[in-house]
C-alpha atoms as a PDB file:
ATOM      1  CA  MET A   1      28.620  63.085 -51.777  1.00  0.00           C
ATOM      2  CA  ASN A   2      31.457  64.509 -49.712  1.00  0.00           C
ATOM      3  CA  THR A   3      28.982  66.508 -47.656  1.00  0.00           C
ATOM      4  CA  ASP A   4      26.925  63.379 -46.873  1.00  0.00           C
ATOM      5  CA  ALA A   5      30.063  61.439 -46.012  1.00  0.00           C
ATOM      6  CA  ASN A   6      31.261  64.234 -43.731  1.00  0.00           C
ATOM      7  CA  LYS A   7      27.863  64.303 -42.004  1.00  0.00           C
ATOM      8  CA  LYS A   8      28.024  60.539 -41.429  1.00  0.00           C
ATOM      9  CA  ILE A   9      31.572  60.792 -40.103  1.00  0.00           C
ATOM     10  CA  GLY A  10      30.512  63.702 -37.888  1.00  0.00           C
ATOM     11  CA  PHE A  11      27.498  61.792 -36.575  1.00  0.00           C
ATOM     12  CA  PHE A  12      29.476  58.644 -35.770  1.00  0.00           C
ATOM     13  CA  GLY A  13      32.230  60.760 -34.262  1.00  0.00           C
ATOM     14  CA  LYS A  14      29.767  62.473 -31.941  1.00  0.00           C
ATOM     15  CA  LEU A  15      28.141  59.124 -31.123  1.00  0.00           C
ATOM     16  CA  LYS A  16      31.505  57.590 -30.272  1.00  0.00           C
ATOM     17  CA  LYS A  17      32.401  60.617 -28.155  1.00  0.00           C
ATOM     18  CA  GLY A  18      29.050  60.448 -26.362  1.00  0.00           C
ATOM     19  CA  LEU A  19      29.383  56.731 -25.649  1.00  0.00           C
ATOM     20  CA  LYS A  20      32.909  57.254 -24.371  1.00  0.00           C
ATOM     21  CA  TYR A  21      31.702  60.059 -22.084  1.00  0.00           C
ATOM     22  CA  PHE A  22      28.855  57.841 -20.827  1.00  0.00           C
ATOM     23  CA  TYR A  23      31.235  54.971 -20.097  1.00  0.00           C
ATOM     24  CA  GLU A  24      33.821  57.194 -18.402  1.00  0.00           C
ATOM     25  CA  GLU A  25      31.431  59.211 -16.218  1.00  0.00           C
ATOM     26  CA  PHE A  26      28.445  56.920 -15.650  1.00  0.00           C
ATOM     27  CA  ILE A  27      30.173  53.548 -15.299  1.00  0.00           C
ATOM     28  CA  LYS A  28      33.955  53.655 -15.055  1.00  0.00           C
ATOM     29  CA  PHE A  29      34.364  56.449 -12.488  1.00  0.00           C
ATOM     30  CA  PRO A  30      31.545  55.296 -10.151  1.00  0.00           C
ATOM     31  CA  ALA A  31      32.917  51.743 -10.391  1.00  0.00           C
ATOM     32  CA  PHE A  32      36.390  53.102  -9.572  1.00  0.00           C
ATOM     33  CA  ILE A  33      34.947  54.823  -6.485  1.00  0.00           C
ATOM     34  CA  LEU A  34      33.283  51.563  -5.448  1.00  0.00           C
ATOM     35  CA  ALA A  35      36.548  49.621  -5.836  1.00  0.00           C
ATOM     36  CA  HIS A  36      38.865  52.358  -4.497  1.00  0.00           C
ATOM     37  CA  PRO A  37      36.658  54.637  -2.329  1.00  0.00           C
ATOM     38  CA  ILE A  38      39.448  56.625  -0.668  1.00  0.00           C
ATOM     39  CA  LYS A  39      41.260  57.493  -3.921  1.00  0.00           C
ATOM     40  CA  GLY A  40      37.947  57.801  -5.795  1.00  0.00           C
ATOM     41  CA  PHE A  41      36.384  60.322  -3.441  1.00  0.00           C
ATOM     42  CA  ASP A  42      39.657  62.195  -3.211  1.00  0.00           C
ATOM     43  CA  ASP A  43      39.517  62.667  -7.013  1.00  0.00           C
ATOM     44  CA  PHE A  44      35.795  63.383  -6.693  1.00  0.00           C
ATOM     45  CA  LYS A  45      36.473  66.361  -4.420  1.00  0.00           C
ATOM     46  CA  ARG A  46      39.850  67.708  -5.533  1.00  0.00           C
ATOM     47  CA  ASP A  47      39.280  67.383  -9.285  1.00  0.00           C
ATOM     48  CA  ASN A  48      35.542  68.246  -9.175  1.00  0.00           C
ATOM     49  CA  ARG A  49      34.692  64.921 -10.830  1.00  0.00           C
ATOM     50  CA  GLY A  50      31.164  64.877  -9.446  1.00  0.00           C
ATOM     51  CA  LYS A  51      28.639  65.855 -12.126  1.00  0.00           C
ATOM     52  CA  TRP A  52      24.989  66.803 -11.753  1.00  0.00           C
ATOM     53  CA  SER A  53      24.067  64.933 -14.924  1.00  0.00           C
ATOM     54  CA  VAL A  54      25.371  61.670 -13.455  1.00  0.00           C
ATOM     55  CA  ALA A  55      23.819  62.252 -10.033  1.00  0.00           C
ATOM     56  CA  ILE A  56      20.385  63.101 -11.444  1.00  0.00           C
ATOM     57  CA  THR A  57      20.529  60.127 -13.850  1.00  0.00           C
ATOM     58  CA  PHE A  58      21.280  57.736 -10.982  1.00  0.00           C
ATOM     59  CA  ILE A  59      18.398  59.169  -8.947  1.00  0.00           C
ATOM     60  CA  VAL A  60      15.972  58.919 -11.877  1.00  0.00           C
ATOM     61  CA  VAL A  61      17.025  55.324 -12.646  1.00  0.00           C
ATOM     62  CA  VAL A  62      16.580  54.252  -9.005  1.00  0.00           C
ATOM     63  CA  ILE A  63      13.121  55.886  -8.956  1.00  0.00           C
ATOM     64  CA  LEU A  64      12.161  54.088 -12.181  1.00  0.00           C
ATOM     65  CA  LEU A  65      13.362  50.769 -10.770  1.00  0.00           C
ATOM     66  CA  GLN A  66      11.381  51.416  -7.607  1.00  0.00           C
ATOM     67  CA  ILE A  67       8.263  51.942  -9.741  1.00  0.00           C
ATOM     68  CA  LEU A  68       8.992  48.909 -11.941  1.00  0.00           C
ATOM     69  CA  LYS A  69       9.120  46.709  -8.845  1.00  0.00           C
ATOM     70  CA  PHE A  70       5.349  47.043  -8.541  1.00  0.00           C
ATOM     71  CA  GLN A  71       4.931  45.295 -11.887  1.00  0.00           C
ATOM     72  CA  PHE A  72       7.928  43.008 -12.269  1.00  0.00           C
ATOM     73  CA  LEU A  73       8.975  41.925  -8.773  1.00  0.00           C
ATOM     74  CA  GLY A  74       8.190  38.265  -8.172  1.00  0.00           C
ATOM     75  CA  PHE A  75       5.106  37.375  -6.097  1.00  0.00           C
ATOM     76  CA  LEU A  76       7.249  35.434  -3.615  1.00  0.00           C
ATOM     77  CA  VAL A  77       8.879  38.632  -2.352  1.00  0.00           C
ATOM     78  CA  SER A  78       6.167  41.205  -3.093  1.00  0.00           C
ATOM     79  CA  ASP A  79       2.401  41.286  -2.681  1.00  0.00           C
ATOM     80  CA  ARG A  80       2.022  44.897  -3.839  1.00  0.00           C
ATOM     81  CA  ASN A  81      -0.705  45.647  -6.350  1.00  0.00           C
ATOM     82  CA  ILE A  82       0.038  47.826  -9.372  1.00  0.00           C
ATOM     83  CA  ASN A  83      -3.217  49.678  -8.607  1.00  0.00           C
ATOM     84  CA  ASP A  84      -1.707  50.844  -5.309  1.00  0.00           C
ATOM     85  CA  LEU A  85       1.178  52.539  -7.099  1.00  0.00           C
ATOM     86  CA  SER A  86       1.650  56.205  -6.234  1.00  0.00           C
ATOM     87  CA  THR A  87       4.341  57.749  -8.414  1.00  0.00           C
ATOM     88  CA  PHE A  88       4.644  60.772  -6.130  1.00  0.00           C
ATOM     89  CA  SER A  89       5.196  58.523  -3.095  1.00  0.00           C
ATOM     90  CA  GLU A  90       7.880  56.512  -4.893  1.00  0.00           C
ATOM     91  CA  ILE A  91       9.683  59.701  -5.963  1.00  0.00           C
ATOM     92  CA  ALA A  92       9.505  61.081  -2.417  1.00  0.00           C
ATOM     93  CA  TYR A  93      10.685  57.705  -1.052  1.00  0.00           C
ATOM     94  CA  ILE A  94      13.990  58.151  -2.912  1.00  0.00           C
ATOM     95  CA  ILE A  95      14.533  61.923  -2.991  1.00  0.00           C
ATOM     96  CA  ALA A  96      13.443  62.786   0.566  1.00  0.00           C
ATOM     97  CA  PRO A  97      16.139  60.651   2.298  1.00  0.00           C
ATOM     98  CA  LEU A  98      18.833  62.026  -0.043  1.00  0.00           C
ATOM     99  CA  VAL A  99      17.894  65.639   0.661  1.00  0.00           C
ATOM    100  CA  LEU A 100      17.452  64.936   4.376  1.00  0.00           C
ATOM    101  CA  PHE A 101      20.876  63.279   4.560  1.00  0.00           C
ATOM    102  CA  ALA A 102      22.564  66.123   2.650  1.00  0.00           C
ATOM    103  CA  VAL A 103      21.012  68.829   4.844  1.00  0.00           C
ATOM    104  CA  SER A 104      21.629  66.943   8.098  1.00  0.00           C
ATOM    105  CA  ASN A 105      25.210  65.998   7.245  1.00  0.00           C
ATOM    106  CA  TRP A 106      26.035  69.532   6.122  1.00  0.00           C
ATOM    107  CA  SER A 107      24.576  71.044   9.308  1.00  0.00           C
ATOM    108  CA  VAL A 108      26.543  68.597  11.471  1.00  0.00           C
ATOM    109  CA  ALA A 109      29.741  68.997   9.428  1.00  0.00           C
ATOM    110  CA  THR A 110      29.762  72.748  10.086  1.00  0.00           C
ATOM    111  CA  LEU A 111      30.119  71.910  13.798  1.00  0.00           C
ATOM    112  CA  PHE A 112      32.707  69.181  13.160  1.00  0.00           C
ATOM    113  CA  ASP A 113      34.930  71.345  10.917  1.00  0.00           C
ATOM    114  CA  GLY A 114      33.940  69.437   7.800  1.00  0.00           C
ATOM    115  CA  LYS A 115      35.275  70.696   4.481  1.00  0.00           C
ATOM    116  CA  GLY A 116      32.405  69.512   2.298  1.00  0.00           C
ATOM    117  CA  LYS A 117      29.749  71.778   0.799  1.00  0.00           C
ATOM    118  CA  MET A 118      26.098  70.785   0.589  1.00  0.00           C
ATOM    119  CA  LYS A 119      26.413  70.398  -3.187  1.00  0.00           C
ATOM    120  CA  GLU A 120      29.323  67.976  -2.755  1.00  0.00           C
ATOM    121  CA  ILE A 121      27.452  66.006  -0.096  1.00  0.00           C
ATOM    122  CA  PHE A 122      24.362  65.628  -2.296  1.00  0.00           C
ATOM    123  CA  LEU A 123      26.435  64.614  -5.318  1.00  0.00           C
ATOM    124  CA  MET A 124      28.379  62.149  -3.196  1.00  0.00           C
ATOM    125  CA  ILE A 125      25.306  60.391  -1.801  1.00  0.00           C
ATOM    126  CA  SER A 126      23.752  60.344  -5.296  1.00  0.00           C
ATOM    127  CA  TYR A 127      26.852  58.597  -6.688  1.00  0.00           C
ATOM    128  CA  CYS A 128      26.488  56.053  -3.883  1.00  0.00           C
ATOM    129  CA  LEU A 129      23.264  54.864  -5.553  1.00  0.00           C
ATOM    130  CA  PHE A 130      25.397  53.300  -8.320  1.00  0.00           C
ATOM    131  CA  PRO A 131      25.595  49.753  -6.871  1.00  0.00           C
ATOM    132  CA  LEU A 132      21.919  49.889  -5.895  1.00  0.00           C
ATOM    133  CA  ILE A 133      20.959  50.171  -9.577  1.00  0.00           C
ATOM    134  CA  PHE A 134      22.608  46.869 -10.499  1.00  0.00           C
ATOM    135  CA  THR A 135      21.497  44.946  -7.417  1.00  0.00           C
ATOM    136  CA  ASN A 136      17.889  46.092  -7.921  1.00  0.00           C
ATOM    137  CA  ILE A 137      17.926  44.908 -11.541  1.00  0.00           C
ATOM    138  CA  ILE A 138      19.516  41.579 -10.600  1.00  0.00           C
ATOM    139  CA  GLY A 139      17.081  41.251  -7.704  1.00  0.00           C
ATOM    140  CA  MET A 140      14.060  41.754  -9.966  1.00  0.00           C
ATOM    141  CA  VAL A 141      15.314  39.080 -12.341  1.00  0.00           C
ATOM    142  CA  LEU A 142      16.083  36.630  -9.520  1.00  0.00           C
ATOM    143  CA  SER A 143      12.686  37.178  -7.886  1.00  0.00           C
ATOM    144  CA  ASN A 144      11.028  35.805 -11.013  1.00  0.00           C
ATOM    145  CA  VAL A 145      13.231  32.751 -11.567  1.00  0.00           C
ATOM    146  CA  LEU A 146      14.026  31.493  -8.051  1.00  0.00           C
ATOM    147  CA  VAL A 147      11.792  29.166  -6.071  1.00  0.00           C
ATOM    148  CA  ALA A 148      10.838  29.791  -2.435  1.00  0.00           C
ATOM    149  CA  GLU A 149      13.764  27.755  -1.066  1.00  0.00           C
ATOM    150  CA  GLU A 150      16.225  29.898  -3.045  1.00  0.00           C
ATOM    151  CA  MET A 151      14.902  33.329  -2.046  1.00  0.00           C
ATOM    152  CA  ALA A 152      17.829  33.749   0.331  1.00  0.00           C
ATOM    153  CA  LEU A 153      19.901  34.545  -2.761  1.00  0.00           C
ATOM    154  CA  TYR A 154      17.509  37.375  -3.667  1.00  0.00           C
ATOM    155  CA  HIS A 155      17.745  38.838  -0.168  1.00  0.00           C
ATOM    156  CA  LEU A 156      21.542  38.474  -0.270  1.00  0.00           C
ATOM    157  CA  VAL A 157      21.750  40.486  -3.514  1.00  0.00           C
ATOM    158  CA  THR A 158      19.433  43.281  -2.340  1.00  0.00           C
ATOM    159  CA  SER A 159      21.173  43.452   1.054  1.00  0.00           C
ATOM    160  CA  LEU A 160      24.523  43.629  -0.728  1.00  0.00           C
ATOM    161  CA  GLY A 161      23.293  46.676  -2.668  1.00  0.00           C
ATOM    162  CA  VAL A 162      22.315  48.469   0.551  1.00  0.00           C
ATOM    163  CA  PHE A 163      25.635  47.490   2.156  1.00  0.00           C
ATOM    164  CA  MET A 164      27.647  48.859  -0.777  1.00  0.00           C
ATOM    165  CA  LEU A 165      25.638  52.088  -0.681  1.00  0.00           C
ATOM    166  CA  GLY A 166      26.506  52.499   2.998  1.00  0.00           C
ATOM    167  CA  TYR A 167      30.118  51.472   2.322  1.00  0.00           C
ATOM    168  CA  MET A 168      30.503  54.157  -0.357  1.00  0.00           C
ATOM    169  CA  ALA A 169      28.730  56.780   1.778  1.00  0.00           C
ATOM    170  CA  PHE A 170      31.041  56.053   4.717  1.00  0.00           C
ATOM    171  CA  PHE A 171      34.188  56.663   2.683  1.00  0.00           C
ATOM    172  CA  GLY A 172      32.430  59.501   0.885  1.00  0.00           C
ATOM    173  CA  ILE A 173      32.022  61.354   4.175  1.00  0.00           C
ATOM    174  CA  ILE A 174      35.699  60.776   4.933  1.00  0.00           C
ATOM    175  CA  GLY A 175      36.749  62.074   1.505  1.00  0.00           C
ATOM    176  CA  ILE A 176      34.342  65.011   1.237  1.00  0.00           C
ATOM    177  CA  HIS A 177      34.973  66.366   4.739  1.00  0.00           C
ATOM    178  CA  GLU A 178      38.612  65.187   5.032  1.00  0.00           C
ATOM    179  CA  TYR A 179      37.912  63.334   8.274  1.00  0.00           C
ATOM    180  CA  GLY A 180      39.662  60.585  10.137  1.00  0.00           C
ATOM    181  CA  LEU A 181      37.942  57.296  10.986  1.00  0.00           C
ATOM    182  CA  LEU A 182      36.688  58.194  14.483  1.00  0.00           C
ATOM    183  CA  LYS A 183      35.528  61.652  13.448  1.00  0.00           C
ATOM    184  CA  CYS A 184      33.654  60.128  10.528  1.00  0.00           C
ATOM    185  CA  ILE A 185      31.836  57.677  12.813  1.00  0.00           C
ATOM    186  CA  GLY A 186      30.945  60.512  15.193  1.00  0.00           C
ATOM    187  CA  THR A 187      29.671  62.586  12.275  1.00  0.00           C
ATOM    188  CA  ILE A 188      27.494  59.728  11.004  1.00  0.00           C
ATOM    189  CA  VAL A 189      25.905  59.263  14.436  1.00  0.00           C
ATOM    190  CA  ALA A 190      25.313  63.006  14.738  1.00  0.00           C
ATOM    191  CA  THR A 191      23.907  63.083  11.183  1.00  0.00           C
ATOM    192  CA  LEU A 192      21.383  60.374  12.028  1.00  0.00           C
ATOM    193  CA  VAL A 193      20.320  62.274  15.151  1.00  0.00           C
ATOM    194  CA  ALA A 194      20.050  65.528  13.171  1.00  0.00           C
ATOM    195  CA  ALA A 195      18.032  63.758  10.452  1.00  0.00           C
ATOM    196  CA  MET A 196      15.559  62.462  13.061  1.00  0.00           C
ATOM    197  CA  VAL A 197      15.241  65.955  14.565  1.00  0.00           C
ATOM    198  CA  VAL A 198      14.670  67.540  11.139  1.00  0.00           C
ATOM    199  CA  ALA A 199      12.144  64.831  10.214  1.00  0.00           C
ATOM    200  CA  PHE A 200      10.313  65.362  13.514  1.00  0.00           C
ATOM    201  CA  ILE A 201      10.168  69.140  12.978  1.00  0.00           C
ATOM    202  CA  LEU A 202       8.915  68.682   9.404  1.00  0.00           C
ATOM    203  CA  LEU A 203       6.268  66.253  10.644  1.00  0.00           C
ATOM    204  CA  LEU A 204       5.128  68.775  13.254  1.00  0.00           C
ATOM    205  CA  CYS A 205       5.002  71.528  10.633  1.00  0.00           C
ATOM    206  CA  PHE A 206       3.006  69.312   8.283  1.00  0.00           C
ATOM    207  CA  ASN A 207       0.575  68.409  11.067  1.00  0.00           C
ATOM    208  CA  LEU A 208       0.210  72.095  11.991  1.00  0.00           C
ATOM    209  CA  PHE A 209      -0.390  72.967   8.341  1.00  0.00           C
ATOM    210  CA  GLN A 210      -3.099  70.300   8.092  1.00  0.00           C
ATOM    211  CA  THR A 211      -4.745  71.638  11.261  1.00  0.00           C
ATOM    212  CA  ILE A 212      -4.727  75.213   9.951  1.00  0.00           C
ATOM    213  CA  VAL A 213      -6.122  74.142   6.568  1.00  0.00           C
ATOM    214  CA  GLY A 214      -8.844  72.138   8.304  1.00  0.00           C
ATOM    215  CA  PHE A 215      -9.704  75.094  10.546  1.00  0.00           C
ATOM    216  CA  VAL A 216      -9.880  77.523   7.608  1.00  0.00           C
ATOM    217  CA  TYR A 217     -11.986  75.066   5.607  1.00  0.00           C
ATOM    218  CA  THR A 218     -14.389  74.630   8.539  1.00  0.00           C
ATOM    219  CA  ILE A 219     -14.843  78.409   8.840  1.00  0.00           C
ATOM    220  CA  TYR A 220     -15.387  78.651   5.077  1.00  0.00           C
ATOM    221  CA  ARG A 221     -18.102  75.962   5.209  1.00  0.00           C
ATOM    222  CA  GLU A 222     -19.833  77.670   8.116  1.00  0.00           C
ATOM    223  CA  ILE A 223     -19.859  80.995   6.293  1.00  0.00           C
ATOM    224  CA  SER A 224     -21.026  79.340   3.079  1.00  0.00           C
ATOM    225  CA  LEU A 225     -23.910  77.552   4.819  1.00  0.00           C
ATOM    226  CA  ARG A 226     -25.041  80.607   6.755  1.00  0.00           C
ATOM    227  CA  TYR A 227     -24.601  83.502   4.328  1.00  0.00           C
ATOM    228  CA  LEU A 228     -24.064  82.157   0.787  1.00  0.00           C
END
């Protein structure tokens, strides 16, 4: 009896501890950053508060919401067909910009004497997805209950999510790299330019790869038709 009671106490104790950890790290701290970005990102960097488990969870949730939009977003704001869903494309749609931003910002920050590491930059921008999770959920619900004349409210909510993401990222760059206001703005502009350059180079490489594959495949077909 005592053993069973101890197991129950141990289970509930672990459950309580897990729920407390989830609340502290997945809700309370990101919400604190959103409300107090300067102090929040200062704690994020100096106390190593950024956690991979939280960052990856936020990314996965945003990807899932992006996929769920195909099915549950109201017809007034979306005409996408569930049959057109490409899971790989939706994953790339979220992850590619995050990686591109982290690489571009890190490369620019090395020239602007930034203090942030690539790991910190990626964790920071992943934490900035926090408000997007809630606005996407609210937006999906609103898209199914509002009439056409009220769709401005839906667009307000979704735009607010994007604004808060940018708001957190702006102060995140200041906190991670220990920049002033003007230097942060200059870094953001340079990051956008670097991201476009990197994207252009990747596009060229992909096009070159496709050309080479097509050329090799053409030679293979010619050899197959002539000699095999």
